[in-house]
Amino acid sequence: MYGNTSSRYCGRVSALKQTSTSNQLTVTFKATRIGNKGFHCTVTASDPNAPTPPPPTPPPSSSCRCGVVNRNAKIVGGVVTEMYEYPWQTAITSIASNQPFCGASIIASQWILTASHCVYGTTASSIKIVVGEYDWSKPDETNETSYTVEKIYTHPDYSPVTVNNDVALLKLSQPIVFSSDNKVAPVCLPPPDLLYENVNATVTGWGTLSSGGPQPTMLYEAVVPTMTNAKCNTLLNNQVTANMICAGIDAGGVDTCQGDSGGPMVTGSQSGTYMELIGVVSWGYGCAEPNKPGVYARVNKFLTWINSTIGAATKCPHP
C-alpha cells in the first residue's frame, strides 16, 4: 500500500516497483499452492531521492601475478634498473613533497610493506605512497600514481632502540588496480621455512649513492649476497636477532644507503619463475663499508602478523 491506494497483482509477475510517500510500505504476500512448483519472493528497499552511488573501484586484473620482473636485458655500487623492472617498488614521501624519504613494496591491492622506523610516530595523513615511479626528474610518468594512506600499522613489538621487528604495513585509502602490462604489480611473499642463507639478493631504491651523498633521480639496484646470522653477529657485535637477515660483500662497496630504508630485498623463488620478498631495508653501519653488512627485517618471520593484519586483501598468485 502507498498513500491511500493499494494495488493487487496475480499470476506471473517477474518484478514490481512501488513507491511510498511515507517511510513505510506494507507488502502482503498470499500464495495458493498448486502442484509442487512453490514460489519465491525477494523485497528490496531503496531511497529514490538518494544520490547515485559511485561505481565500485575495479578489482585488480584477474590475470595479475606477483613477483614478475620486467627485464629486457640483464644504491651504492649498483646500477640503474630498467624502467618498471621491479613493479612492486614504491616510495614514501611527505604529503606535500615529491622527494622520497623511504622505500616500500606492494604486497596486495591495498597494502604496502615498509620498515617501522620509516613511519614510527608518523600520522597517516602526513604521507603518501607513489607507485609506478621510475625517474623523479620526469613528472607525470605514464604509470605514476600517488595514494593517500588510510592507516599505519607498525609491528606491535617494534623496538626503536634495538630496531627489532622493523616492519610496518600501510593501508591505502584506495586499492591499486594492477595494470595488465605488469608495470604496477605486487611482489610475492616468501615461504615461512627458508633461511635464505648465502643466496644472491637484489636490493632497489632511490637512496644516496654514498654515505651522505646525493640521491639519484632514477631507481637503482644492487646485488648482495646474504649470510648466516652467526656470521653477521660476529661482524656486528651480536646485535642481529632471528627477525633479521644480513647481506653484503665482505670487501664492501655494495650496499643500501640513506633513503633506501623500508625498500625491498628480493631473490628468485626455488622454481626460478618469480621473485620473493625476503627482506626490508632496516639498518647498518654507514654504507658499503668492509665487513659491515646491511641488516634487513626477515620477512618470513612476520607472515602471521602480515596475513592477520591484511585479512582477505586482494592478492595476486604466483606465476
C-alpha atoms as a PDB file:
ATOM      1  CA  MET A   1       0.000   0.000   0.000  1.00  0.00           C
ATOM      2  CA  TYR A   2       1.271   3.503  -0.735  1.00  0.00           C
ATOM      3  CA  GLY A   3      -0.530   6.719   0.113  1.00  0.00           C
ATOM      4  CA  ASN A   4      -4.250   5.975   0.282  1.00  0.00           C
ATOM      5  CA  THR A   5      -4.204   3.471  -2.541  1.00  0.00           C
ATOM      6  CA  SER A   6      -3.421  -0.174  -2.865  1.00  0.00           C
ATOM      7  CA  SER A   7      -2.659  -2.489  -5.756  1.00  0.00           C
ATOM      8  CA  ARG A   8      -3.238  -6.194  -6.260  1.00  0.00           C
ATOM      9  CA  TYR A   9      -1.246  -8.399  -8.588  1.00  0.00           C
ATOM     10  CA  CYS A  10      -1.616 -12.016  -9.500  1.00  0.00           C
ATOM     11  CA  GLY A  11      -0.282 -14.506 -11.988  1.00  0.00           C
ATOM     12  CA  ARG A  12       3.246 -14.476 -13.382  1.00  0.00           C
ATOM     13  CA  VAL A  13       4.858 -11.184 -12.357  1.00  0.00           C
ATOM     14  CA  SER A  14       8.645 -11.098 -12.535  1.00  0.00           C
ATOM     15  CA  ALA A  15       9.215  -7.692 -10.893  1.00  0.00           C
ATOM     16  CA  LEU A  16       7.198  -4.877  -9.334  1.00  0.00           C
ATOM     17  CA  LYS A  17       8.207  -1.388  -8.258  1.00  0.00           C
ATOM     18  CA  GLN A  18       6.199   0.576  -5.695  1.00  0.00           C
ATOM     19  CA  THR A  19       6.928   3.971  -4.169  1.00  0.00           C
ATOM     20  CA  SER A  20       5.681   5.078  -0.757  1.00  0.00           C
ATOM     21  CA  THR A  21       5.061   8.719   0.151  1.00  0.00           C
ATOM     22  CA  SER A  22       5.913   7.938   3.785  1.00  0.00           C
ATOM     23  CA  ASN A  23       8.665   5.954   5.426  1.00  0.00           C
ATOM     24  CA  GLN A  24       6.560   2.790   5.429  1.00  0.00           C
ATOM     25  CA  LEU A  25       5.409   0.336   2.789  1.00  0.00           C
ATOM     26  CA  THR A  26       3.229  -2.653   3.608  1.00  0.00           C
ATOM     27  CA  VAL A  27       3.504  -5.715   1.400  1.00  0.00           C
ATOM     28  CA  THR A  28       1.156  -8.683   1.801  1.00  0.00           C
ATOM     29  CA  PHE A  29       2.011 -11.912   0.038  1.00  0.00           C
ATOM     30  CA  LYS A  30      -0.541 -14.714  -0.285  1.00  0.00           C
ATOM     31  CA  ALA A  31       0.095 -17.901  -2.237  1.00  0.00           C
ATOM     32  CA  THR A  32      -2.087 -20.806  -3.144  1.00  0.00           C
ATOM     33  CA  ARG A  33      -0.025 -23.895  -3.705  1.00  0.00           C
ATOM     34  CA  ILE A  34      -0.817 -25.706  -6.953  1.00  0.00           C
ATOM     35  CA  GLY A  35       1.228 -28.791  -7.703  1.00  0.00           C
ATOM     36  CA  ASN A  36       4.806 -28.704  -6.409  1.00  0.00           C
ATOM     37  CA  LYS A  37       6.261 -25.597  -8.022  1.00  0.00           C
ATOM     38  CA  GLY A  38       6.234 -23.385  -4.926  1.00  0.00           C
ATOM     39  CA  PHE A  39       7.168 -19.695  -5.027  1.00  0.00           C
ATOM     40  CA  HIS A  40       9.984 -17.224  -4.436  1.00  0.00           C
ATOM     41  CA  CYS A  41       9.762 -13.595  -3.311  1.00  0.00           C
ATOM     42  CA  THR A  42      12.521 -11.010  -2.785  1.00  0.00           C
ATOM     43  CA  VAL A  43      11.872  -7.493  -1.437  1.00  0.00           C
ATOM     44  CA  THR A  44      14.455  -4.721  -1.790  1.00  0.00           C
ATOM     45  CA  ALA A  45      14.029  -1.207  -0.359  1.00  0.00           C
ATOM     46  CA  SER A  46      15.763   1.927  -1.600  1.00  0.00           C
ATOM     47  CA  ASP A  47      15.511   5.697  -1.284  1.00  0.00           C
ATOM     48  CA  PRO A  48      14.558   7.210  -4.680  1.00  0.00           C
ATOM     49  CA  ASN A  49      15.971  10.583  -3.578  1.00  0.00           C
ATOM     50  CA  ALA A  50      19.360   9.207  -2.565  1.00  0.00           C
ATOM     51  CA  PRO A  51      22.296  10.211  -4.763  1.00  0.00           C
ATOM     52  CA  THR A  52      23.532   7.614  -7.165  1.00  0.00           C
ATOM     53  CA  PRO A  53      26.471   5.845  -5.534  1.00  0.00           C
ATOM     54  CA  PRO A  54      29.815   5.999  -7.333  1.00  0.00           C
ATOM     55  CA  PRO A  55      30.777   2.917  -9.294  1.00  0.00           C
ATOM     56  CA  PRO A  56      32.892   0.464  -7.327  1.00  0.00           C
ATOM     57  CA  THR A  57      36.641   0.569  -7.787  1.00  0.00           C
ATOM     58  CA  PRO A  58      37.509  -2.039 -10.383  1.00  0.00           C
ATOM     59  CA  PRO A  59      39.290  -5.035  -8.891  1.00  0.00           C
ATOM     60  CA  PRO A  60      42.853  -5.881  -9.807  1.00  0.00           C
ATOM     61  CA  SER A  61      43.245  -7.776 -13.030  1.00  0.00           C
ATOM     62  CA  SER A  62      42.407 -11.435 -12.587  1.00  0.00           C
ATOM     63  CA  SER A  63      45.470 -12.209 -14.650  1.00  0.00           C
ATOM     64  CA  CYS A  64      47.918 -10.409 -12.333  1.00  0.00           C
ATOM     65  CA  ARG A  65      50.842 -12.364 -10.919  1.00  0.00           C
ATOM     66  CA  CYS A  66      53.195 -11.461  -8.106  1.00  0.00           C
ATOM     67  CA  GLY A  67      56.959 -11.236  -8.287  1.00  0.00           C
ATOM     68  CA  VAL A  68      57.349 -10.950 -12.074  1.00  0.00           C
ATOM     69  CA  VAL A  69      60.164  -8.628 -13.172  1.00  0.00           C
ATOM     70  CA  ASN A  70      60.046  -6.603 -16.394  1.00  0.00           C
ATOM     71  CA  ARG A  71      63.509  -7.218 -17.748  1.00  0.00           C
ATOM     72  CA  ASN A  72      64.665  -6.742 -21.337  1.00  0.00           C
ATOM     73  CA  ALA A  73      68.343  -7.472 -20.709  1.00  0.00           C
ATOM     74  CA  LYS A  74      70.192  -8.367 -17.983  1.00  0.00           C
ATOM     75  CA  ILE A  75      72.272   2.069  -4.137  1.00  0.00           C
ATOM     76  CA  VAL A  76      75.944   2.093  -3.670  1.00  0.00           C
ATOM     77  CA  GLY A  77      77.934   0.145  -6.153  1.00  0.00           C
ATOM     78  CA  GLY A  78      74.722  -0.570  -8.048  1.00  0.00           C
ATOM     79  CA  VAL A  79      73.353   0.233 -11.466  1.00  0.00           C
ATOM     80  CA  VAL A  80      70.246   1.922 -12.811  1.00  0.00           C
ATOM     81  CA  THR A  81      67.353  -0.510 -13.183  1.00  0.00           C
ATOM     82  CA  GLU A  82      65.364  -0.887 -16.359  1.00  0.00           C
ATOM     83  CA  MET A  83      62.143   1.092 -16.431  1.00  0.00           C
ATOM     84  CA  TYR A  84      59.481  -0.672 -14.338  1.00  0.00           C
ATOM     85  CA  GLU A  85      61.785  -3.656 -13.914  1.00  0.00           C
ATOM     86  CA  TYR A  86      60.638  -4.072 -10.316  1.00  0.00           C
ATOM     87  CA  PRO A  87      56.929  -3.148 -10.462  1.00  0.00           C
ATOM     88  CA  TRP A  88      56.355  -3.573  -6.714  1.00  0.00           C
ATOM     89  CA  GLN A  89      58.807  -0.796  -5.808  1.00  0.00           C
ATOM     90  CA  THR A  90      57.080   2.191  -4.249  1.00  0.00           C
ATOM     91  CA  ALA A  91      58.221   5.330  -2.475  1.00  0.00           C
ATOM     92  CA  ILE A  92      57.064   7.099   0.670  1.00  0.00           C
ATOM     93  CA  THR A  93      57.030  10.897   0.554  1.00  0.00           C
ATOM     94  CA  SER A  94      55.532  13.585   2.734  1.00  0.00           C
ATOM     95  CA  ILE A  95      52.100  14.660   1.609  1.00  0.00           C
ATOM     96  CA  ALA A  96      53.422  17.906   0.089  1.00  0.00           C
ATOM     97  CA  SER A  97      56.711  16.591  -1.323  1.00  0.00           C
ATOM     98  CA  ASN A  98      57.890  14.752  -4.396  1.00  0.00           C
ATOM     99  CA  GLN A  99      61.121  13.580  -2.779  1.00  0.00           C
ATOM    100  CA  PRO A 100      61.149  10.013  -1.405  1.00  0.00           C
ATOM    101  CA  PHE A 101      62.455   9.517   2.107  1.00  0.00           C
ATOM    102  CA  CYS A 102      61.843   5.742   2.276  1.00  0.00           C
ATOM    103  CA  GLY A 103      61.081   2.838   0.000  1.00  0.00           C
ATOM    104  CA  ALA A 104      58.349   0.216   0.275  1.00  0.00           C
ATOM    105  CA  SER A 105      56.821  -2.755  -1.563  1.00  0.00           C
ATOM    106  CA  ILE A 106      53.351  -3.552  -2.865  1.00  0.00           C
ATOM    107  CA  ILE A 107      52.169  -6.890  -1.416  1.00  0.00           C
ATOM    108  CA  ALA A 108      48.400  -6.645  -2.094  1.00  0.00           C
ATOM    109  CA  SER A 109      45.991  -4.303  -3.838  1.00  0.00           C
ATOM    110  CA  GLN A 110      45.591  -2.012  -0.829  1.00  0.00           C
ATOM    111  CA  TRP A 111      48.655  -2.888   1.244  1.00  0.00           C
ATOM    112  CA  ILE A 112      52.250  -1.673   1.302  1.00  0.00           C
ATOM    113  CA  LEU A 113      55.062  -3.219   3.372  1.00  0.00           C
ATOM    114  CA  THR A 114      57.854  -0.989   4.669  1.00  0.00           C
ATOM    115  CA  ALA A 115      60.051  -0.519   7.744  1.00  0.00           C
ATOM    116  CA  SER A 116      58.584   0.585  11.065  1.00  0.00           C
ATOM    117  CA  HIS A 117      61.374   3.109  11.561  1.00  0.00           C
ATOM    118  CA  CYS A 118      60.224   4.887   8.382  1.00  0.00           C
ATOM    119  CA  VAL A 119      56.784   5.682   9.783  1.00  0.00           C
ATOM    120  CA  TYR A 120      57.213   5.379  13.566  1.00  0.00           C
ATOM    121  CA  GLY A 121      55.464   8.355  15.176  1.00  0.00           C
ATOM    122  CA  THR A 122      54.106   9.490  11.805  1.00  0.00           C
ATOM    123  CA  THR A 123      50.438  10.145  11.066  1.00  0.00           C
ATOM    124  CA  ALA A 124      48.797   8.552   8.046  1.00  0.00           C
ATOM    125  CA  SER A 125      47.571  11.931   6.797  1.00  0.00           C
ATOM    126  CA  SER A 126      51.118  13.314   6.595  1.00  0.00           C
ATOM    127  CA  ILE A 127      52.451  10.838   3.999  1.00  0.00           C
ATOM    128  CA  LYS A 128      51.601   9.437   0.583  1.00  0.00           C
ATOM    129  CA  ILE A 129      52.667   6.411  -1.443  1.00  0.00           C
ATOM    130  CA  VAL A 130      53.886   6.814  -5.019  1.00  0.00           C
ATOM    131  CA  VAL A 131      53.631   3.748  -7.275  1.00  0.00           C
ATOM    132  CA  GLY A 132      54.725   3.330 -10.872  1.00  0.00           C
ATOM    133  CA  GLU A 133      57.604   5.768 -10.364  1.00  0.00           C
ATOM    134  CA  TYR A 134      60.971   5.414 -12.059  1.00  0.00           C
ATOM    135  CA  ASP A 135      62.656   8.759 -12.720  1.00  0.00           C
ATOM    136  CA  TRP A 136      61.836  11.555 -10.273  1.00  0.00           C
ATOM    137  CA  SER A 137      63.186  14.178 -12.686  1.00  0.00           C
ATOM    138  CA  LYS A 138      60.310  13.406 -15.043  1.00  0.00           C
ATOM    139  CA  PRO A 139      56.961  14.450 -13.564  1.00  0.00           C
ATOM    140  CA  ASP A 140      53.772  12.673 -14.528  1.00  0.00           C
ATOM    141  CA  GLU A 141      55.283   9.452 -15.841  1.00  0.00           C
ATOM    142  CA  THR A 142      52.665   7.284 -17.524  1.00  0.00           C
ATOM    143  CA  ASN A 143      52.192   4.807 -14.671  1.00  0.00           C
ATOM    144  CA  GLU A 144      52.956   7.153 -11.780  1.00  0.00           C
ATOM    145  CA  THR A 145      50.117   7.392  -9.242  1.00  0.00           C
ATOM    146  CA  SER A 146      50.005   8.774  -5.716  1.00  0.00           C
ATOM    147  CA  TYR A 147      47.872   7.230  -2.972  1.00  0.00           C
ATOM    148  CA  THR A 148      46.953   8.587   0.415  1.00  0.00           C
ATOM    149  CA  VAL A 149      47.294   6.327   3.433  1.00  0.00           C
ATOM    150  CA  GLU A 150      44.269   5.281   5.470  1.00  0.00           C
ATOM    151  CA  LYS A 151      46.144   3.729   8.381  1.00  0.00           C
ATOM    152  CA  ILE A 152      49.652   2.854   9.540  1.00  0.00           C
ATOM    153  CA  TYR A 153      50.275  -0.468  11.302  1.00  0.00           C
ATOM    154  CA  THR A 154      53.708  -0.612  12.910  1.00  0.00           C
ATOM    155  CA  HIS A 155      54.637  -4.029  14.279  1.00  0.00           C
ATOM    156  CA  PRO A 156      53.407  -4.225  17.904  1.00  0.00           C
ATOM    157  CA  ASP A 157      56.830  -5.443  19.075  1.00  0.00           C
ATOM    158  CA  TYR A 158      58.931  -2.960  17.127  1.00  0.00           C
ATOM    159  CA  SER A 159      61.770  -1.511  19.203  1.00  0.00           C
ATOM    160  CA  PRO A 160      63.273   1.824  18.094  1.00  0.00           C
ATOM    161  CA  VAL A 161      66.238   1.041  20.353  1.00  0.00           C
ATOM    162  CA  THR A 162      67.245  -2.383  19.000  1.00  0.00           C
ATOM    163  CA  VAL A 163      65.406  -1.943  15.660  1.00  0.00           C
ATOM    164  CA  ASN A 164      63.972  -5.431  16.153  1.00  0.00           C
ATOM    165  CA  ASN A 165      60.703  -6.266  14.339  1.00  0.00           C
ATOM    166  CA  ASP A 166      61.298  -3.397  11.920  1.00  0.00           C
ATOM    167  CA  VAL A 167      58.276  -3.874   9.655  1.00  0.00           C
ATOM    168  CA  ALA A 168      55.132  -1.839   9.092  1.00  0.00           C
ATOM    169  CA  LEU A 169      52.030  -2.136   6.929  1.00  0.00           C
ATOM    170  CA  LEU A 170      50.360   0.810   5.261  1.00  0.00           C
ATOM    171  CA  LYS A 171      46.734   0.501   4.216  1.00  0.00           C
ATOM    172  CA  LEU A 172      45.970   2.713   1.236  1.00  0.00           C
ATOM    173  CA  SER A 173      42.807   4.792   1.075  1.00  0.00           C
ATOM    174  CA  GLN A 174      42.047   3.269  -2.324  1.00  0.00           C
ATOM    175  CA  PRO A 175      43.131  -0.063  -3.828  1.00  0.00           C
ATOM    176  CA  ILE A 176      45.684  -0.221  -6.601  1.00  0.00           C
ATOM    177  CA  VAL A 177      44.416  -1.522  -9.923  1.00  0.00           C
ATOM    178  CA  PHE A 178      47.222  -3.686 -11.240  1.00  0.00           C
ATOM    179  CA  SER A 179      47.969  -2.977 -14.871  1.00  0.00           C
ATOM    180  CA  SER A 180      47.766  -5.718 -17.478  1.00  0.00           C
ATOM    181  CA  ASP A 181      51.255  -4.749 -18.690  1.00  0.00           C
ATOM    182  CA  ASN A 182      52.713  -5.603 -15.242  1.00  0.00           C
ATOM    183  CA  LYS A 183      54.197  -2.132 -14.773  1.00  0.00           C
ATOM    184  CA  VAL A 184      52.498  -1.921 -11.386  1.00  0.00           C
ATOM    185  CA  ALA A 185      52.282  -5.254  -9.576  1.00  0.00           C
ATOM    186  CA  PRO A 186      52.919  -6.835  -6.169  1.00  0.00           C
ATOM    187  CA  VAL A 187      55.882  -8.874  -5.034  1.00  0.00           C
ATOM    188  CA  CYS A 188      55.403 -12.417  -3.728  1.00  0.00           C
ATOM    189  CA  LEU A 189      55.763 -13.098  -0.024  1.00  0.00           C
ATOM    190  CA  PRO A 190      58.253 -15.840   0.833  1.00  0.00           C
ATOM    191  CA  PRO A 191      57.503 -19.269   2.279  1.00  0.00           C
ATOM    192  CA  PRO A 192      57.902 -19.485   6.060  1.00  0.00           C
ATOM    193  CA  ASP A 193      60.549 -22.184   6.301  1.00  0.00           C
ATOM    194  CA  LEU A 194      63.535 -20.945   4.282  1.00  0.00           C
ATOM    195  CA  LEU A 195      66.568 -19.217   5.844  1.00  0.00           C
ATOM    196  CA  TYR A 196      67.862 -17.710   2.577  1.00  0.00           C
ATOM    197  CA  GLU A 197      71.483 -18.104   3.655  1.00  0.00           C
ATOM    198  CA  ASN A 198      74.244 -17.464   1.107  1.00  0.00           C
ATOM    199  CA  VAL A 199      71.945 -16.520  -1.763  1.00  0.00           C
ATOM    200  CA  ASN A 200      72.277 -13.574  -4.124  1.00  0.00           C
ATOM    201  CA  ALA A 201      69.599 -10.999  -3.425  1.00  0.00           C
ATOM    202  CA  THR A 202      68.641  -7.765  -5.182  1.00  0.00           C
ATOM    203  CA  VAL A 203      68.021  -4.500  -3.346  1.00  0.00           C
ATOM    204  CA  THR A 204      66.413  -1.469  -5.004  1.00  0.00           C
ATOM    205  CA  GLY A 205      65.820   2.134  -4.079  1.00  0.00           C
ATOM    206  CA  TRP A 206      66.371   5.840  -4.633  1.00  0.00           C
ATOM    207  CA  GLY A 207      68.739   6.119  -1.685  1.00  0.00           C
ATOM    208  CA  THR A 208      72.021   8.020  -1.734  1.00  0.00           C
ATOM    209  CA  LEU A 209      74.867   6.609  -3.788  1.00  0.00           C
ATOM    210  CA  SER A 210      77.326   7.166  -0.933  1.00  0.00           C
ATOM    211  CA  SER A 211      77.015   7.906   2.766  1.00  0.00           C
ATOM    212  CA  GLY A 212      75.743  11.476   2.988  1.00  0.00           C
ATOM    213  CA  GLY A 213      75.854  11.806  -0.801  1.00  0.00           C
ATOM    214  CA  PRO A 214      73.153  12.893  -3.276  1.00  0.00           C
ATOM    215  CA  GLN A 215      70.088  10.874  -4.146  1.00  0.00           C
ATOM    216  CA  PRO A 216      69.727   9.692  -7.748  1.00  0.00           C
ATOM    217  CA  THR A 217      66.603  10.543  -9.691  1.00  0.00           C
ATOM    218  CA  MET A 218      66.316   7.061 -11.227  1.00  0.00           C
ATOM    219  CA  LEU A 219      65.787   3.766  -9.430  1.00  0.00           C
ATOM    220  CA  TYR A 220      68.977   1.842  -8.651  1.00  0.00           C
ATOM    221  CA  GLU A 221      69.572  -1.833  -7.959  1.00  0.00           C
ATOM    222  CA  ALA A 222      72.431  -3.816  -6.468  1.00  0.00           C
ATOM    223  CA  VAL A 223      73.095  -7.499  -5.908  1.00  0.00           C
ATOM    224  CA  VAL A 224      74.293  -8.513  -2.447  1.00  0.00           C
ATOM    225  CA  PRO A 225      74.931 -11.996  -1.031  1.00  0.00           C
ATOM    226  CA  THR A 226      73.136 -12.947   2.153  1.00  0.00           C
ATOM    227  CA  MET A 227      74.913 -14.725   5.008  1.00  0.00           C
ATOM    228  CA  THR A 228      74.175 -16.714   8.141  1.00  0.00           C
ATOM    229  CA  ASN A 229      73.088 -14.823  11.213  1.00  0.00           C
ATOM    230  CA  ALA A 230      76.022 -16.393  13.046  1.00  0.00           C
ATOM    231  CA  LYS A 231      78.491 -14.741  10.671  1.00  0.00           C
ATOM    232  CA  CYS A 232      76.620 -11.453  10.798  1.00  0.00           C
ATOM    233  CA  ASN A 233      76.705 -11.416  14.583  1.00  0.00           C
ATOM    234  CA  THR A 234      80.487 -11.841  14.591  1.00  0.00           C
ATOM    235  CA  LEU A 235      80.708  -8.764  12.367  1.00  0.00           C
ATOM    236  CA  LEU A 236      78.089  -6.654  14.149  1.00  0.00           C
ATOM    237  CA  ASN A 237      78.737  -7.424  17.822  1.00  0.00           C
ATOM    238  CA  ASN A 238      75.771  -9.770  18.368  1.00  0.00           C
ATOM    239  CA  GLN A 239      73.150  -7.157  17.529  1.00  0.00           C
ATOM    240  CA  VAL A 240      71.346  -9.336  14.987  1.00  0.00           C
ATOM    241  CA  THR A 241      68.188 -11.185  16.059  1.00  0.00           C
ATOM    242  CA  ALA A 242      66.362 -14.083  14.419  1.00  0.00           C
ATOM    243  CA  ASN A 243      63.969 -11.476  12.951  1.00  0.00           C
ATOM    244  CA  MET A 244      66.792 -10.015  10.860  1.00  0.00           C
ATOM    245  CA  ILE A 245      68.781 -11.135   7.822  1.00  0.00           C
ATOM    246  CA  CYS A 246      72.121  -9.675   6.710  1.00  0.00           C
ATOM    247  CA  ALA A 247      73.558  -9.161   3.253  1.00  0.00           C
ATOM    248  CA  GLY A 248      76.724  -7.585   1.924  1.00  0.00           C
ATOM    249  CA  ILE A 249      80.121  -8.116   0.368  1.00  0.00           C
ATOM    250  CA  ASP A 250      82.973  -8.616   2.868  1.00  0.00           C
ATOM    251  CA  ALA A 251      85.164  -6.159   0.981  1.00  0.00           C
ATOM    252  CA  GLY A 252      82.388  -3.539   0.982  1.00  0.00           C
ATOM    253  CA  GLY A 253      81.458  -1.335  -1.943  1.00  0.00           C
ATOM    254  CA  VAL A 254      77.880  -2.545  -2.474  1.00  0.00           C
ATOM    255  CA  ASP A 255      75.078  -1.730  -0.058  1.00  0.00           C
ATOM    256  CA  THR A 256      71.866   0.128   0.577  1.00  0.00           C
ATOM    257  CA  CYS A 257      72.180   3.637   1.982  1.00  0.00           C
ATOM    258  CA  GLN A 258      70.198   6.615   3.312  1.00  0.00           C
ATOM    259  CA  GLY A 259      66.772   6.784   1.675  1.00  0.00           C
ATOM    260  CA  ASP A 260      66.627   3.080   0.842  1.00  0.00           C
ATOM    261  CA  SER A 261      65.076   2.198   4.215  1.00  0.00           C
ATOM    262  CA  GLY A 262      61.853   0.240   4.002  1.00  0.00           C
ATOM    263  CA  GLY A 263      62.594  -0.881   0.470  1.00  0.00           C
ATOM    264  CA  PRO A 264      62.684  -4.460  -0.822  1.00  0.00           C
ATOM    265  CA  MET A 265      65.356  -7.120  -0.866  1.00  0.00           C
ATOM    266  CA  VAL A 266      64.217  -9.884  -3.218  1.00  0.00           C
ATOM    267  CA  THR A 267      65.578 -13.146  -4.526  1.00  0.00           C
ATOM    268  CA  GLY A 268      64.423 -15.732  -7.005  1.00  0.00           C
ATOM    269  CA  SER A 269      61.996 -18.437  -5.925  1.00  0.00           C
ATOM    270  CA  GLN A 270      63.109 -22.051  -5.837  1.00  0.00           C
ATOM    271  CA  SER A 271      61.309 -22.581  -9.145  1.00  0.00           C
ATOM    272  CA  GLY A 272      63.126 -19.594 -10.618  1.00  0.00           C
ATOM    273  CA  THR A 273      59.923 -18.172 -12.096  1.00  0.00           C
ATOM    274  CA  TYR A 274      59.256 -15.240  -9.761  1.00  0.00           C
ATOM    275  CA  MET A 275      60.803 -13.047  -7.067  1.00  0.00           C
ATOM    276  CA  GLU A 276      60.180 -13.334  -3.342  1.00  0.00           C
ATOM    277  CA  LEU A 277      60.423 -10.503  -0.830  1.00  0.00           C
ATOM    278  CA  ILE A 278      62.881 -11.806   1.774  1.00  0.00           C
ATOM    279  CA  GLY A 279      63.995  -8.572   3.432  1.00  0.00           C
ATOM    280  CA  VAL A 280      63.024  -4.996   4.254  1.00  0.00           C
ATOM    281  CA  VAL A 281      65.900  -2.495   4.400  1.00  0.00           C
ATOM    282  CA  SER A 282      66.406  -1.767   8.099  1.00  0.00           C
ATOM    283  CA  TRP A 283      69.781  -0.618   9.467  1.00  0.00           C
ATOM    284  CA  GLY A 284      73.550  -0.752   9.187  1.00  0.00           C
ATOM    285  CA  TYR A 285      76.837   0.993   9.987  1.00  0.00           C
ATOM    286  CA  GLY A 286      77.498   3.610   7.334  1.00  0.00           C
ATOM    287  CA  CYS A 287      77.101   2.463   3.755  1.00  0.00           C
ATOM    288  CA  ALA A 288      79.077  -0.222   1.928  1.00  0.00           C
ATOM    289  CA  GLU A 289      81.897  -0.383   4.496  1.00  0.00           C
ATOM    290  CA  PRO A 290      84.083  -3.523   4.642  1.00  0.00           C
ATOM    291  CA  ASN A 291      82.766  -6.226   6.995  1.00  0.00           C
ATOM    292  CA  LYS A 292      79.701  -4.109   7.805  1.00  0.00           C
ATOM    293  CA  PRO A 293      76.769  -5.844   6.061  1.00  0.00           C
ATOM    294  CA  GLY A 294      73.383  -4.254   5.713  1.00  0.00           C
ATOM    295  CA  VAL A 295      70.664  -5.558   8.022  1.00  0.00           C
ATOM    296  CA  TYR A 296      67.134  -6.276   6.836  1.00  0.00           C
ATOM    297  CA  ALA A 297      63.916  -7.314   8.560  1.00  0.00           C
ATOM    298  CA  ARG A 298      63.443 -11.000   7.757  1.00  0.00           C
ATOM    299  CA  VAL A 299      60.033 -11.014   6.047  1.00  0.00           C
ATOM    300  CA  ASN A 300      59.101 -14.666   6.570  1.00  0.00           C
ATOM    301  CA  LYS A 301      59.309 -14.144  10.341  1.00  0.00           C
ATOM    302  CA  PHE A 302      56.322 -11.811  10.068  1.00  0.00           C
ATOM    303  CA  LEU A 303      53.958 -13.743   7.810  1.00  0.00           C
ATOM    304  CA  THR A 304      51.447 -14.485  10.574  1.00  0.00           C
ATOM    305  CA  TRP A 305      51.264 -10.816  11.547  1.00  0.00           C
ATOM    306  CA  ILE A 306      51.083  -9.672   7.916  1.00  0.00           C
ATOM    307  CA  ASN A 307      48.300 -12.089   6.992  1.00  0.00           C
ATOM    308  CA  SER A 308      46.260 -11.394  10.128  1.00  0.00           C
ATOM    309  CA  THR A 309      46.540  -7.640   9.532  1.00  0.00           C
ATOM    310  CA  ILE A 310      45.638  -7.548   5.850  1.00  0.00           C
ATOM    311  CA  GLY A 311      42.951 -10.235   6.182  1.00  0.00           C
ATOM    312  CA  ALA A 312      41.165 -11.043   2.930  1.00  0.00           C
ATOM    313  CA  ALA A 313      43.057  -8.449   0.907  1.00  0.00           C
ATOM    314  CA  THR A 314      43.200  -8.933  -2.842  1.00  0.00           C
ATOM    315  CA  LYS A 315      46.482 -10.644  -3.666  1.00  0.00           C
ATOM    316  CA  CYS A 316      47.966 -11.928  -6.896  1.00  0.00           C
ATOM    317  CA  PRO A 317      49.009 -15.593  -7.127  1.00  0.00           C
ATOM    318  CA  HIS A 318      52.423 -16.921  -8.061  1.00  0.00           C
ATOM    319  CA  PRO A 319      53.083 -17.364 -11.766  1.00  0.00           C
END
